PDB file of N, CA and C in Angstrom:
ATOM      1  N   MET A   1     143.148 125.115  88.988  1.00  0.00           N
ATOM      2  CA  MET A   1     141.968 124.928  90.046  1.00  0.00           C
ATOM      3  C   MET A   1     140.867 124.558  89.047  1.00  0.00           C
ATOM      4  N   GLU A   2     140.196 123.457  89.774  1.00  0.00           N
ATOM      5  CA  GLU A   2     139.055 122.945  89.061  1.00  0.00           C
ATOM      6  C   GLU A   2     137.575 123.675  89.801  1.00  0.00           C
ATOM      7  N   PHE A   3     136.833 124.414  88.809  1.00  0.00           N
ATOM      8  CA  PHE A   3     135.698 125.106  89.533  1.00  0.00           C
ATOM      9  C   PHE A   3     134.605 123.858  89.526  1.00  0.00           C
ATOM     10  N   PRO A   4     133.756 124.216  90.443  1.00  0.00           N
ATOM     11  CA  PRO A   4     132.734 122.991  90.771  1.00  0.00           C
ATOM     12  C   PRO A   4     131.595 123.596  90.176  1.00  0.00           C
ATOM     13  N   PRO A   5     130.307 122.829  89.743  1.00  0.00           N
ATOM     14  CA  PRO A   5     129.413 123.572  89.067  1.00  0.00           C
ATOM     15  C   PRO A   5     128.748 124.532  89.957  1.00  0.00           C
ATOM     16  N   PRO A   6     128.065 125.485  89.198  1.00  0.00           N
ATOM     17  CA  PRO A   6     127.778 126.837  89.895  1.00  0.00           C
ATOM     18  C   PRO A   6     126.313 126.457  90.551  1.00  0.00           C
ATOM     19  N   CYS A   7     125.999 127.179  91.543  1.00  0.00           N
ATOM     20  CA  CYS A   7     124.714 126.784  92.445  1.00  0.00           C
ATOM     21  C   CYS A   7     123.822 128.169  92.088  1.00  0.00           C
ATOM     22  N   PRO A   8     123.059 128.652  91.022  1.00  0.00           N
ATOM     23  CA  PRO A   8     122.575 129.672  91.064  1.00  0.00           C
ATOM     24  C   PRO A   8     121.480 130.249  91.943  1.00  0.00           C
ATOM     25  N   GLU A   9     121.193 131.349  92.173  1.00  0.00           N
ATOM     26  CA  GLU A   9     120.208 131.685  92.917  1.00  0.00           C
ATOM     27  C   GLU A   9     118.979 132.244  91.981  1.00  0.00           C
ATOM     28  N   ILE A  10     117.850 131.493  92.624  1.00  0.00           N
ATOM     29  CA  ILE A  10     116.700 131.747  91.466  1.00  0.00           C
ATOM     30  C   ILE A  10     115.847 132.806  92.257  1.00  0.00           C
ATOM     31  N   PRO A  11     115.218 134.097  91.514  1.00  0.00           N
ATOM     32  CA  PRO A  11     114.527 134.968  92.356  1.00  0.00           C
ATOM     33  C   PRO A  11     113.019 134.412  92.062  1.00  0.00           C
ATOM     34  N   VAL A  12     112.415 134.355  93.352  1.00  0.00           N
ATOM     35  CA  VAL A  12     110.960 133.926  93.314  1.00  0.00           C
ATOM     36  C   VAL A  12     110.226 135.064  94.329  1.00  0.00           C
ATOM     37  N   ALA A  13     109.160 135.026  93.828  1.00  0.00           N
ATOM     38  CA  ALA A  13     107.876 135.999  95.084  1.00  0.00           C
ATOM     39  C   ALA A  13     107.563 135.361  96.010  1.00  0.00           C
ATOM     40  N   ASP A  14     107.131 134.119  95.963  1.00  0.00           N
ATOM     41  CA  ASP A  14     106.671 133.389  97.269  1.00  0.00           C
ATOM     42  C   ASP A  14     107.477 132.253  97.479  1.00  0.00           C
ATOM     43  N   LEU A  15     108.260 132.157  98.490  1.00  0.00           N
ATOM     44  CA  LEU A  15     108.706 130.925  98.674  1.00  0.00           C
ATOM     45  C   LEU A  15     108.186 129.627  98.681  1.00  0.00           C
ATOM     46  N   ASN A  16     107.113 129.372  99.646  1.00  0.00           N
ATOM     47  CA  ASN A  16     106.239 128.169  99.369  1.00  0.00           C
ATOM     48  C   ASN A  16     105.521 127.863  98.249  1.00  0.00           C
ATOM     49  N   ALA A  17     105.239 128.937  97.236  1.00  0.00           N
ATOM     50  CA  ALA A  17     104.830 128.489  96.000  1.00  0.00           C
ATOM     51  C   ALA A  17     105.877 128.179  95.194  1.00  0.00           C
ATOM     52  N   ALA A  18     106.841 128.659  95.389  1.00  0.00           N
ATOM     53  CA  ALA A  18     108.058 128.174  94.459  1.00  0.00           C
ATOM     54  C   ALA A  18     108.574 126.941  94.557  1.00  0.00           C
ATOM     55  N   LEU A  19     108.539 126.589  95.970  1.00  0.00           N
ATOM     56  CA  LEU A  19     109.143 125.382  96.532  1.00  0.00           C
ATOM     57  C   LEU A  19     107.988 124.201  95.957  1.00  0.00           C
ATOM     58  N   ALA A  20     106.837 124.425  96.126  1.00  0.00           N
ATOM     59  CA  ALA A  20     105.826 123.552  95.448  1.00  0.00           C
ATOM     60  C   ALA A  20     105.936 123.347  93.984  1.00  0.00           C
ATOM     61  N   CYS A  21     106.350 124.407  93.114  1.00  0.00           N
ATOM     62  CA  CYS A  21     106.519 124.191  91.697  1.00  0.00           C
ATOM     63  C   CYS A  21     107.639 123.526  91.378  1.00  0.00           C
ATOM     64  N   TYR A  22     108.735 123.751  92.048  1.00  0.00           N
ATOM     65  CA  TYR A  22     110.108 123.031  91.837  1.00  0.00           C
ATOM     66  C   TYR A  22     109.937 121.562  92.475  1.00  0.00           C
ATOM     67  N   ARG A  23     109.360 121.228  93.497  1.00  0.00           N
ATOM     68  CA  ARG A  23     109.062 119.748  93.946  1.00  0.00           C
ATOM     69  C   ARG A  23     108.251 119.131  93.180  1.00  0.00           C
ATOM     70  N   ASP A  24     106.972 119.650  92.779  1.00  0.00           N
ATOM     71  CA  ASP A  24     105.804 118.952  92.298  1.00  0.00           C
ATOM     72  C   ASP A  24     105.822 119.050  90.897  1.00  0.00           C
ATOM     73  N   ARG A  25     106.512 119.776  90.144  1.00  0.00           N
ATOM     74  CA  ARG A  25     106.162 119.962  88.727  1.00  0.00           C
ATOM     75  C   ARG A  25     107.745 119.972  88.083  1.00  0.00           C
ATOM     76  N   LEU A  26     108.543 120.480  88.439  1.00  0.00           N
ATOM     77  CA  LEU A  26     110.006 120.022  88.157  1.00  0.00           C
ATOM     78  C   LEU A  26     110.829 119.181  88.266  1.00  0.00           C
ATOM     79  N   GLY A  27     110.533 118.548  89.529  1.00  0.00           N
ATOM     80  CA  GLY A  27     110.967 117.185  89.942  1.00  0.00           C
ATOM     81  C   GLY A  27     112.213 117.295  90.825  1.00  0.00           C
ATOM     82  N   PHE A  28     112.469 118.635  91.628  1.00  0.00           N
ATOM     83  CA  PHE A  28     113.471 118.851  92.281  1.00  0.00           C
ATOM     84  C   PHE A  28     113.216 118.173  93.748  1.00  0.00           C
ATOM     85  N   ALA A  29     114.256 118.021  94.514  1.00  0.00           N
ATOM     86  CA  ALA A  29     113.892 117.914  96.021  1.00  0.00           C
ATOM     87  C   ALA A  29     114.280 119.000  96.706  1.00  0.00           C
ATOM     88  N   VAL A  30     113.488 119.299  97.443  1.00  0.00           N
ATOM     89  CA  VAL A  30     113.752 120.262  98.679  1.00  0.00           C
ATOM     90  C   VAL A  30     114.714 119.967  99.716  1.00  0.00           C
ATOM     91  N   ASP A  31     115.961 120.287  99.745  1.00  0.00           N
ATOM     92  CA  ASP A  31     117.053 120.136 100.628  1.00  0.00           C
ATOM     93  C   ASP A  31     116.755 120.548 102.057  1.00  0.00           C
ATOM     94  N   TRP A  32     116.374 121.771 101.871  1.00  0.00           N
ATOM     95  CA  TRP A  32     116.251 122.709 103.053  1.00  0.00           C
ATOM     96  C   TRP A  32     115.302 124.024 102.646  1.00  0.00           C
ATOM     97  N   ALA A  33     114.713 124.544 103.704  1.00  0.00           N
ATOM     98  CA  ALA A  33     114.085 125.929 103.624  1.00  0.00           C
ATOM     99  C   ALA A  33     113.810 126.599 104.704  1.00  0.00           C
ATOM    100  N   GLU A  34     114.298 127.758 104.836  1.00  0.00           N
ATOM    101  CA  GLU A  34     114.294 128.825 105.779  1.00  0.00           C
ATOM    102  C   GLU A  34     113.492 129.872 105.459  1.00  0.00           C
ATOM    103  N   ASP A  35     112.070 129.660 105.661  1.00  0.00           N
ATOM    104  CA  ASP A  35     111.147 130.843 105.368  1.00  0.00           C
ATOM    105  C   ASP A  35     111.437 132.391 106.056  1.00  0.00           C
ATOM    106  N   SER A  36     112.214 132.140 107.479  1.00  0.00           N
ATOM    107  CA  SER A  36     112.327 133.439 108.136  1.00  0.00           C
ATOM    108  C   SER A  36     113.303 134.263 107.329  1.00  0.00           C
ATOM    109  N   ILE A  37     114.172 133.756 106.650  1.00  0.00           N
ATOM    110  CA  ILE A  37     115.134 134.666 105.778  1.00  0.00           C
ATOM    111  C   ILE A  37     114.703 134.833 104.258  1.00  0.00           C
ATOM    112  N   GLY A  38     113.781 133.644 103.829  1.00  0.00           N
ATOM    113  CA  GLY A  38     113.476 133.739 102.313  1.00  0.00           C
ATOM    114  C   GLY A  38     114.396 133.114 101.618  1.00  0.00           C
ATOM    115  N   LEU A  39     114.924 132.120 101.911  1.00  0.00           N
ATOM    116  CA  LEU A  39     115.908 131.128 101.366  1.00  0.00           C
ATOM    117  C   LEU A  39     115.529 129.701 101.307  1.00  0.00           C
ATOM    118  N   ALA A  40     115.939 128.857 100.306  1.00  0.00           N
ATOM    119  CA  ALA A  40     115.747 127.586 100.182  1.00  0.00           C
ATOM    120  C   ALA A  40     116.713 126.949  99.188  1.00  0.00           C
ATOM    121  N   GLY A  41     117.034 125.427  99.581  1.00  0.00           N
ATOM    122  CA  GLY A  41     117.828 124.777  98.378  1.00  0.00           C
ATOM    123  C   GLY A  41     117.410 123.699  97.932  1.00  0.00           C
ATOM    124  N   VAL A  42     117.376 123.689  96.627  1.00  0.00           N
ATOM    125  CA  VAL A  42     116.675 122.509  96.016  1.00  0.00           C
ATOM    126  C   VAL A  42     117.909 121.692  95.157  1.00  0.00           C
ATOM    127  N   SER A  43     117.502 120.648  94.862  1.00  0.00           N
ATOM    128  CA  SER A  43     118.498 119.826  93.925  1.00  0.00           C
ATOM    129  C   SER A  43     117.644 118.722  93.000  1.00  0.00           C
ATOM    130  N   ARG A  44     118.408 118.582  91.845  1.00  0.00           N
ATOM    131  CA  ARG A  44     117.924 117.274  91.193  1.00  0.00           C
ATOM    132  C   ARG A  44     119.407 116.743  90.417  1.00  0.00           C
ATOM    133  N   GLY A  45     119.704 115.757  90.627  1.00  0.00           N
ATOM    134  CA  GLY A  45     120.974 114.757  90.343  1.00  0.00           C
ATOM    135  C   GLY A  45     121.951 115.712  90.705  1.00  0.00           C
ATOM    136  N   SER A  46     122.873 116.459  89.855  1.00  0.00           N
ATOM    137  CA  SER A  46     123.971 117.177  90.453  1.00  0.00           C
ATOM    138  C   SER A  46     123.700 118.463  90.295  1.00  0.00           C
ATOM    139  N   ALA A  47     122.462 118.923  89.904  1.00  0.00           N
ATOM    140  CA  ALA A  47     121.908 120.214  89.862  1.00  0.00           C
ATOM    141  C   ALA A  47     121.570 120.645  91.407  1.00  0.00           C
ATOM    142  N   ARG A  48     122.356 121.809  91.906  1.00  0.00           N
ATOM    143  CA  ARG A  48     121.687 122.517  92.980  1.00  0.00           C
ATOM    144  C   ARG A  48     121.241 124.014  92.836  1.00  0.00           C
ATOM    145  N   MET A  49     120.424 124.570  93.389  1.00  0.00           N
ATOM    146  CA  MET A  49     120.017 125.573  93.419  1.00  0.00           C
ATOM    147  C   MET A  49     119.613 126.426  94.428  1.00  0.00           C
ATOM    148  N   PHE A  50     119.519 127.816  94.624  1.00  0.00           N
ATOM    149  CA  PHE A  50     118.838 128.489  95.600  1.00  0.00           C
ATOM    150  C   PHE A  50     117.789 128.909  95.200  1.00  0.00           C
ATOM    151  N   LEU A  51     116.431 129.147  96.047  1.00  0.00           N
ATOM    152  CA  LEU A  51     115.153 129.996  95.525  1.00  0.00           C
ATOM    153  C   LEU A  51     115.356 131.054  96.771  1.00  0.00           C
ATOM    154  N   SER A  52     115.254 132.316  96.210  1.00  0.00           N
ATOM    155  CA  SER A  52     115.459 133.439  97.184  1.00  0.00           C
ATOM    156  C   SER A  52     114.176 134.552  97.099  1.00  0.00           C
ATOM    157  N   THR A  53     113.586 135.052  97.932  1.00  0.00           N
ATOM    158  CA  THR A  53     112.428 135.917  97.819  1.00  0.00           C
ATOM    159  C   THR A  53     113.276 137.206  97.883  1.00  0.00           C
ATOM    160  N   PRO A  54     112.257 138.445  97.568  1.00  0.00           N
ATOM    161  CA  PRO A  54     112.861 139.781  97.304  1.00  0.00           C
ATOM    162  C   PRO A  54     113.439 140.246  98.583  1.00  0.00           C
ATOM    163  N   ALA A  55     113.012 139.713  99.688  1.00  0.00           N
ATOM    164  CA  ALA A  55     113.569 140.342 100.978  1.00  0.00           C
ATOM    165  C   ALA A  55     114.884 139.874 101.231  1.00  0.00           C
ATOM    166  N   PHE A  56     115.401 138.586 100.926  1.00  0.00           N
ATOM    167  CA  PHE A  56     116.412 138.081 100.999  1.00  0.00           C
ATOM    168  C   PHE A  56     117.555 138.718 100.179  1.00  0.00           C
ATOM    169  N   ARG A  57     117.103 138.908  98.653  1.00  0.00           N
ATOM    170  CA  ARG A  57     117.656 139.604  97.576  1.00  0.00           C
ATOM    171  C   ARG A  57     118.028 141.162  97.766  1.00  0.00           C
ATOM    172  N   ALA A  58     117.181 141.921  98.486  1.00  0.00           N
ATOM    173  CA  ALA A  58     117.086 143.222  98.507  1.00  0.00           C
ATOM    174  C   ALA A  58     118.659 144.040  98.762  1.00  0.00           C
ATOM    175  N   PRO A  59     119.186 143.257  99.856  1.00  0.00           N
ATOM    176  CA  PRO A  59     120.652 144.111 100.036  1.00  0.00           C
ATOM    177  C   PRO A  59     121.585 144.008  98.842  1.00  0.00           C
ATOM    178  N   LEU A  60     121.401 143.180  97.991  1.00  0.00           N
ATOM    179  CA  LEU A  60     122.445 143.029  96.817  1.00  0.00           C
ATOM    180  C   LEU A  60     121.507 143.674  95.684  1.00  0.00           C
ATOM    181  N   GLY A  61     120.459 144.105  95.713  1.00  0.00           N
ATOM    182  CA  GLY A  61     119.680 144.787  94.499  1.00  0.00           C
ATOM    183  C   GLY A  61     119.533 144.013  93.361  1.00  0.00           C
ATOM    184  N   ILE A  62     119.595 142.493  93.637  1.00  0.00           N
ATOM    185  CA  ILE A  62     119.359 141.409  92.446  1.00  0.00           C
ATOM    186  C   ILE A  62     117.841 141.228  92.322  1.00  0.00           C
ATOM    187  N   SER A  63     117.522 141.104  91.031  1.00  0.00           N
ATOM    188  CA  SER A  63     116.038 140.918  90.614  1.00  0.00           C
ATOM    189  C   SER A  63     115.886 139.870  89.366  1.00  0.00           C
ATOM    190  N   GLY A  64     114.931 139.475  89.179  1.00  0.00           N
ATOM    191  CA  GLY A  64     114.606 138.538  88.260  1.00  0.00           C
ATOM    192  C   GLY A  64     113.511 139.011  87.016  1.00  0.00           C
ATOM    193  N   PRO A  65     113.179 138.195  86.235  1.00  0.00           N
ATOM    194  CA  PRO A  65     113.486 136.649  86.267  1.00  0.00           C
ATOM    195  C   PRO A  65     114.666 136.750  85.508  1.00  0.00           C
ATOM    196  N   VAL A  66     115.203 135.154  85.768  1.00  0.00           N
ATOM    197  CA  VAL A  66     116.383 134.715  85.169  1.00  0.00           C
ATOM    198  C   VAL A  66     116.250 133.828  84.064  1.00  0.00           C
ATOM    199  N   LEU A  67     117.485 133.383  83.245  1.00  0.00           N
ATOM    200  CA  LEU A  67     117.462 132.321  82.403  1.00  0.00           C
ATOM    201  C   LEU A  67     118.313 131.356  82.807  1.00  0.00           C
ATOM    202  N   LEU A  68     118.182 130.247  82.808  1.00  0.00           N
ATOM    203  CA  LEU A  68     118.936 129.015  83.253  1.00  0.00           C
ATOM    204  C   LEU A  68     119.245 128.145  82.048  1.00  0.00           C
ATOM    205  N   TRP A  69     120.569 127.863  81.741  1.00  0.00           N
ATOM    206  CA  TRP A  69     120.658 126.903  80.585  1.00  0.00           C
ATOM    207  C   TRP A  69     120.814 125.372  81.336  1.00  0.00           C
ATOM    208  N   LEU A  70     120.047 124.572  80.913  1.00  0.00           N
ATOM    209  CA  LEU A  70     120.401 123.259  81.365  1.00  0.00           C
ATOM    210  C   LEU A  70     120.616 121.917  79.907  1.00  0.00           C
ATOM    211  N   ASN A  71     122.080 121.841  80.002  1.00  0.00           N
ATOM    212  CA  ASN A  71     122.555 121.139  79.212  1.00  0.00           C
ATOM    213  C   ASN A  71     122.440 119.364  79.706  1.00  0.00           C
ATOM    214  N   LEU A  72     121.851 119.115  78.768  1.00  0.00           N
ATOM    215  CA  LEU A  72     121.500 117.551  78.911  1.00  0.00           C
ATOM    216  C   LEU A  72     122.439 116.826  77.852  1.00  0.00           C
ATOM    217  N   ALA A  73     122.385 115.692  78.302  1.00  0.00           N
ATOM    218  CA  ALA A  73     123.761 114.753  77.436  1.00  0.00           C
ATOM    219  C   ALA A  73     123.187 114.035  75.976  1.00  0.00           C
ATOM    220  N   SER A  74     121.826 114.152  75.842  1.00  0.00           N
ATOM    221  CA  SER A  74     121.053 113.644  74.522  1.00  0.00           C
ATOM    222  C   SER A  74     120.185 114.329  74.229  1.00  0.00           C
ATOM    223  N   ARG A  75     119.505 114.137  72.988  1.00  0.00           N
ATOM    224  CA  ARG A  75     117.986 114.409  72.412  1.00  0.00           C
ATOM    225  C   ARG A  75     117.068 113.548  72.900  1.00  0.00           C
ATOM    226  N   ALA A  76     117.740 112.296  73.537  1.00  0.00           N
ATOM    227  CA  ALA A  76     116.565 111.643  74.135  1.00  0.00           C
ATOM    228  C   ALA A  76     116.270 112.299  75.539  1.00  0.00           C
ATOM    229  N   GLU A  77     117.093 112.398  76.267  1.00  0.00           N
ATOM    230  CA  GLU A  77     117.142 113.168  77.733  1.00  0.00           C
ATOM    231  C   GLU A  77     116.151 114.543  77.752  1.00  0.00           C
ATOM    232  N   VAL A  78     116.494 115.446  76.335  1.00  0.00           N
ATOM    233  CA  VAL A  78     115.692 116.467  76.225  1.00  0.00           C
ATOM    234  C   VAL A  78     114.182 115.904  76.142  1.00  0.00           C
ATOM    235  N   ASP A  79     113.925 115.058  75.181  1.00  0.00           N
ATOM    236  CA  ASP A  79     112.564 114.748  74.652  1.00  0.00           C
ATOM    237  C   ASP A  79     111.756 114.172  75.917  1.00  0.00           C
ATOM    238  N   ALA A  80     112.531 113.484  77.080  1.00  0.00           N
ATOM    239  CA  ALA A  80     112.160 112.707  78.189  1.00  0.00           C
ATOM    240  C   ALA A  80     111.767 113.789  79.079  1.00  0.00           C
ATOM    241  N   LEU A  81     112.755 114.963  79.320  1.00  0.00           N
ATOM    242  CA  LEU A  81     112.498 115.819  80.074  1.00  0.00           C
ATOM    243  C   LEU A  81     111.453 116.721  80.000  1.00  0.00           C
ATOM    244  N   HIS A  82     111.111 117.019  78.641  1.00  0.00           N
ATOM    245  CA  HIS A  82     109.877 117.868  78.128  1.00  0.00           C
ATOM    246  C   HIS A  82     108.614 116.915  78.084  1.00  0.00           C
ATOM    247  N   ALA A  83     108.691 115.729  77.884  1.00  0.00           N
ATOM    248  CA  ALA A  83     107.451 114.759  78.394  1.00  0.00           C
ATOM    249  C   ALA A  83     107.062 115.024  79.796  1.00  0.00           C
ATOM    250  N   GLU A  84     108.132 114.850  80.682  1.00  0.00           N
ATOM    251  CA  GLU A  84     107.808 114.631  82.129  1.00  0.00           C
ATOM    252  C   GLU A  84     107.228 116.124  82.598  1.00  0.00           C
ATOM    253  N   TRP A  85     107.946 117.183  82.369  1.00  0.00           N
ATOM    254  CA  TRP A  85     107.436 118.748  82.276  1.00  0.00           C
ATOM    255  C   TRP A  85     105.968 118.779  82.076  1.00  0.00           C
ATOM    256  N   ALA A  86     105.913 118.412  80.704  1.00  0.00           N
ATOM    257  CA  ALA A  86     104.605 118.516  79.961  1.00  0.00           C
ATOM    258  C   ALA A  86     103.478 117.985  80.884  1.00  0.00           C
ATOM    259  N   ALA A  87     103.590 116.770  81.090  1.00  0.00           N
ATOM    260  CA  ALA A  87     102.574 116.036  82.220  1.00  0.00           C
ATOM    261  C   ALA A  87     102.551 116.654  83.453  1.00  0.00           C
ATOM    262  N   ALA A  88     103.640 116.938  84.096  1.00  0.00           N
ATOM    263  CA  ALA A  88     103.251 117.849  85.290  1.00  0.00           C
ATOM    264  C   ALA A  88     102.766 118.995  85.339  1.00  0.00           C
ATOM    265  N   GLY A  89     102.507 119.720  83.907  1.00  0.00           N
ATOM    266  CA  GLY A  89     101.855 120.929  84.014  1.00  0.00           C
ATOM    267  C   GLY A  89     102.951 122.038  83.905  1.00  0.00           C
ATOM    268  N   VAL A  90     103.921 121.902  83.727  1.00  0.00           N
ATOM    269  CA  VAL A  90     105.209 123.104  83.630  1.00  0.00           C
ATOM    270  C   VAL A  90     104.654 124.086  82.371  1.00  0.00           C
ATOM    271  N   SER A  91     104.710 125.240  82.512  1.00  0.00           N
ATOM    272  CA  SER A  91     104.535 126.152  81.426  1.00  0.00           C
ATOM    273  C   SER A  91     105.719 126.002  80.356  1.00  0.00           C
ATOM    274  N   ILE A  92     105.370 125.472  78.780  1.00  0.00           N
ATOM    275  CA  ILE A  92     106.258 125.180  77.999  1.00  0.00           C
ATOM    276  C   ILE A  92     106.092 125.907  76.804  1.00  0.00           C
ATOM    277  N   GLU A  93     107.265 126.286  76.278  1.00  0.00           N
ATOM    278  CA  GLU A  93     106.801 127.164  74.961  1.00  0.00           C
ATOM    279  C   GLU A  93     106.847 126.307  73.610  1.00  0.00           C
ATOM    280  N   GLY A  94     106.080 125.035  73.490  1.00  0.00           N
ATOM    281  CA  GLY A  94     106.414 124.385  72.438  1.00  0.00           C
ATOM    282  C   GLY A  94     107.164 123.026  72.486  1.00  0.00           C
ATOM    283  N   PRO A  95     107.286 122.016  71.680  1.00  0.00           N
ATOM    284  CA  PRO A  95     108.101 120.980  71.686  1.00  0.00           C
ATOM    285  C   PRO A  95     109.677 121.253  71.399  1.00  0.00           C
ATOM    286  N   PRO A  96     110.217 120.150  71.807  1.00  0.00           N
ATOM    287  CA  PRO A  96     111.624 120.417  71.485  1.00  0.00           C
ATOM    288  C   PRO A  96     111.998 120.456  69.781  1.00  0.00           C
ATOM    289  N   GLY A  97     113.108 121.259  69.389  1.00  0.00           N
ATOM    290  CA  GLY A  97     113.335 121.317  67.954  1.00  0.00           C
ATOM    291  C   GLY A  97     114.693 121.425  67.752  1.00  0.00           C
ATOM    292  N   THR A  98     115.115 121.577  66.798  1.00  0.00           N
ATOM    293  CA  THR A  98     116.376 121.720  66.257  1.00  0.00           C
ATOM    294  C   THR A  98     116.741 123.245  65.837  1.00  0.00           C
ATOM    295  N   ARG A  99     117.787 123.774  66.344  1.00  0.00           N
ATOM    296  CA  ARG A  99     118.084 125.379  65.984  1.00  0.00           C
ATOM    297  C   ARG A  99     119.367 125.288  65.245  1.00  0.00           C
ATOM    298  N   PRO A 100     119.335 125.158  64.114  1.00  0.00           N
ATOM    299  CA  PRO A 100     120.545 124.960  63.432  1.00  0.00           C
ATOM    300  C   PRO A 100     121.714 126.090  63.523  1.00  0.00           C
ATOM    301  N   TYR A 101     120.900 127.280  63.716  1.00  0.00           N
ATOM    302  CA  TYR A 101     121.752 128.572  63.785  1.00  0.00           C
ATOM    303  C   TYR A 101     123.021 128.149  64.907  1.00  0.00           C
ATOM    304  N   HIS A 102     122.696 127.659  65.681  1.00  0.00           N
ATOM    305  CA  HIS A 102     123.472 127.576  66.978  1.00  0.00           C
ATOM    306  C   HIS A 102     123.591 126.043  67.250  1.00  0.00           C
ATOM    307  N   LYS A 103     123.058 125.022  66.696  1.00  0.00           N
ATOM    308  CA  LYS A 103     123.432 123.693  66.605  1.00  0.00           C
ATOM    309  C   LYS A 103     123.046 123.325  68.165  1.00  0.00           C
ATOM    310  N   LEU A 104     121.921 123.428  68.565  1.00  0.00           N
ATOM    311  CA  LEU A 104     121.095 122.967  69.809  1.00  0.00           C
ATOM    312  C   LEU A 104     119.701 122.200  69.583  1.00  0.00           C
ATOM    313  N   TYR A 105     119.685 121.425  70.115  1.00  0.00           N
ATOM    314  CA  TYR A 105     118.290 120.722  70.288  1.00  0.00           C
ATOM    315  C   TYR A 105     117.659 121.242  71.406  1.00  0.00           C
ATOM    316  N   GLU A 106     116.449 121.825  71.545  1.00  0.00           N
ATOM    317  CA  GLU A 106     116.048 122.434  73.039  1.00  0.00           C
ATOM    318  C   GLU A 106     114.552 122.945  73.019  1.00  0.00           C
ATOM    319  N   PHE A 107     114.332 123.169  73.960  1.00  0.00           N
ATOM    320  CA  PHE A 107     112.857 123.648  74.382  1.00  0.00           C
ATOM    321  C   PHE A 107     113.142 124.617  75.556  1.00  0.00           C
ATOM    322  N   PHE A 108     111.920 125.441  75.850  1.00  0.00           N
ATOM    323  CA  PHE A 108     112.042 126.305  76.894  1.00  0.00           C
ATOM    324  C   PHE A 108     110.730 126.052  78.056  1.00  0.00           C
ATOM    325  N   ALA A 109     111.203 126.490  79.037  1.00  0.00           N
ATOM    326  CA  ALA A 109     109.787 125.952  80.050  1.00  0.00           C
ATOM    327  C   ALA A 109     110.163 127.186  81.131  1.00  0.00           C
ATOM    328  N   ARG A 110     109.138 127.718  82.057  1.00  0.00           N
ATOM    329  CA  ARG A 110     109.088 128.698  82.901  1.00  0.00           C
ATOM    330  C   ARG A 110     108.503 128.174  84.260  1.00  0.00           C
ATOM    331  N   ASP A 111     108.983 128.673  85.249  1.00  0.00           N
ATOM    332  CA  ASP A 111     108.600 128.077  86.641  1.00  0.00           C
ATOM    333  C   ASP A 111     107.501 129.352  86.998  1.00  0.00           C
ATOM    334  N   VAL A 112     107.023 129.389  88.167  1.00  0.00           N
ATOM    335  CA  VAL A 112     105.788 129.958  88.557  1.00  0.00           C
ATOM    336  C   VAL A 112     106.162 131.427  88.471  1.00  0.00           C
ATOM    337  N   ASP A 113     107.526 131.936  88.634  1.00  0.00           N
ATOM    338  CA  ASP A 113     107.843 133.337  88.749  1.00  0.00           C
ATOM    339  C   ASP A 113     108.333 133.783  87.468  1.00  0.00           C
ATOM    340  N   GLY A 114     108.389 133.105  86.456  1.00  0.00           N
ATOM    341  CA  GLY A 114     108.664 133.398  84.824  1.00  0.00           C
ATOM    342  C   GLY A 114     110.265 133.182  84.659  1.00  0.00           C
ATOM    343  N   ASN A 115     110.937 132.607  85.527  1.00  0.00           N
ATOM    344  CA  ASN A 115     112.476 132.104  85.295  1.00  0.00           C
ATOM    345  C   ASN A 115     112.166 131.196  84.392  1.00  0.00           C
ATOM    346  N   THR A 116     113.327 131.267  83.115  1.00  0.00           N
ATOM    347  CA  THR A 116     113.129 130.540  82.191  1.00  0.00           C
ATOM    348  C   THR A 116     114.248 129.359  82.349  1.00  0.00           C
ATOM    349  N   PHE A 117     113.987 128.174  81.802  1.00  0.00           N
ATOM    350  CA  PHE A 117     114.867 127.155  81.635  1.00  0.00           C
ATOM    351  C   PHE A 117     115.085 126.813  80.130  1.00  0.00           C
ATOM    352  N   ARG A 118     116.101 127.038  79.714  1.00  0.00           N
ATOM    353  CA  ARG A 118     116.420 126.784  78.234  1.00  0.00           C
ATOM    354  C   ARG A 118     117.026 125.307  78.397  1.00  0.00           C
ATOM    355  N   VAL A 119     116.340 124.181  78.019  1.00  0.00           N
ATOM    356  CA  VAL A 119     116.707 122.988  78.038  1.00  0.00           C
ATOM    357  C   VAL A 119     117.400 122.342  76.751  1.00  0.00           C
ATOM    358  N   PHE A 120     118.455 121.976  76.614  1.00  0.00           N
ATOM    359  CA  PHE A 120     119.108 121.786  75.313  1.00  0.00           C
ATOM    360  C   PHE A 120     120.187 120.819  75.504  1.00  0.00           C
ATOM    361  N   TYR A 121     120.437 120.009  74.071  1.00  0.00           N
ATOM    362  CA  TYR A 121     121.630 119.376  74.035  1.00  0.00           C
ATOM    363  C   TYR A 121     122.365 119.924  72.946  1.00  0.00           C
ATOM    364  N   ASP A 122     123.662 119.940  73.042  1.00  0.00           N
ATOM    365  CA  ASP A 122     124.479 120.675  72.039  1.00  0.00           C
ATOM    366  C   ASP A 122     125.108 119.642  71.167  1.00  0.00           C
ATOM    367  N   TYR A 123     124.279 119.621  70.134  1.00  0.00           N
ATOM    368  CA  TYR A 123     125.048 118.411  69.055  1.00  0.00           C
ATOM    369  C   TYR A 123     125.853 118.854  67.887  1.00  0.00           C
ATOM    370  N   GLY A 124     126.508 120.244  68.176  1.00  0.00           N
ATOM    371  CA  GLY A 124     127.567 120.571  67.347  1.00  0.00           C
ATOM    372  C   GLY A 124     128.678 119.869  67.123  1.00  0.00           C
ATOM    373  N   TRP A 125     129.058 119.134  68.041  1.00  0.00           N
ATOM    374  CA  TRP A 125     130.063 118.269  68.246  1.00  0.00           C
ATOM    375  C   TRP A 125     129.868 117.079  67.151  1.00  0.00           C
ATOM    376  N   GLU A 126     128.574 116.617  66.857  1.00  0.00           N
ATOM    377  CA  GLU A 126     128.305 115.596  65.978  1.00  0.00           C
ATOM    378  C   GLU A 126     128.786 116.082  64.695  1.00  0.00           C
ATOM    379  N   THR A 127     128.938 117.375  64.118  1.00  0.00           N
ATOM    380  CA  THR A 127     128.798 117.622  62.687  1.00  0.00           C
ATOM    381  C   THR A 127     130.298 118.375  62.587  1.00  0.00           C
ATOM    382  N   ARG A 128     131.186 118.054  63.827  1.00  0.00           N
ATOM    383  CA  ARG A 128     132.741 118.509  63.408  1.00  0.00           C
ATOM    384  C   ARG A 128     133.498 117.521  62.752  1.00  0.00           C
TER     385      ARG A 128
END
């Protein structure tokens, strides 16, 4: 059995504010939104995610913020996304850098609700 890519559910306080952030700053397409239930779907490339409000998550007792690992294909892609998001005003914790203790080239960015994207390239295979 081959698993498909997961579709994480990202906790947000205000669906419309989160959709604006994901569309205008993070570069995602808004695929659909249902404000009456507090749920929306966004995508960028093959990445698909759901944004959900506290009312939607309440029955399951799920809260946030969450950490999302975004594995890119090269250092150049990490640098390009960092530049794109920095220009769009995304909250970023500094420039991309090498973390030799786990062989990642990465940076961290946050959405308007404090959910964190750990954007990285795993260069460990280069040293094997």
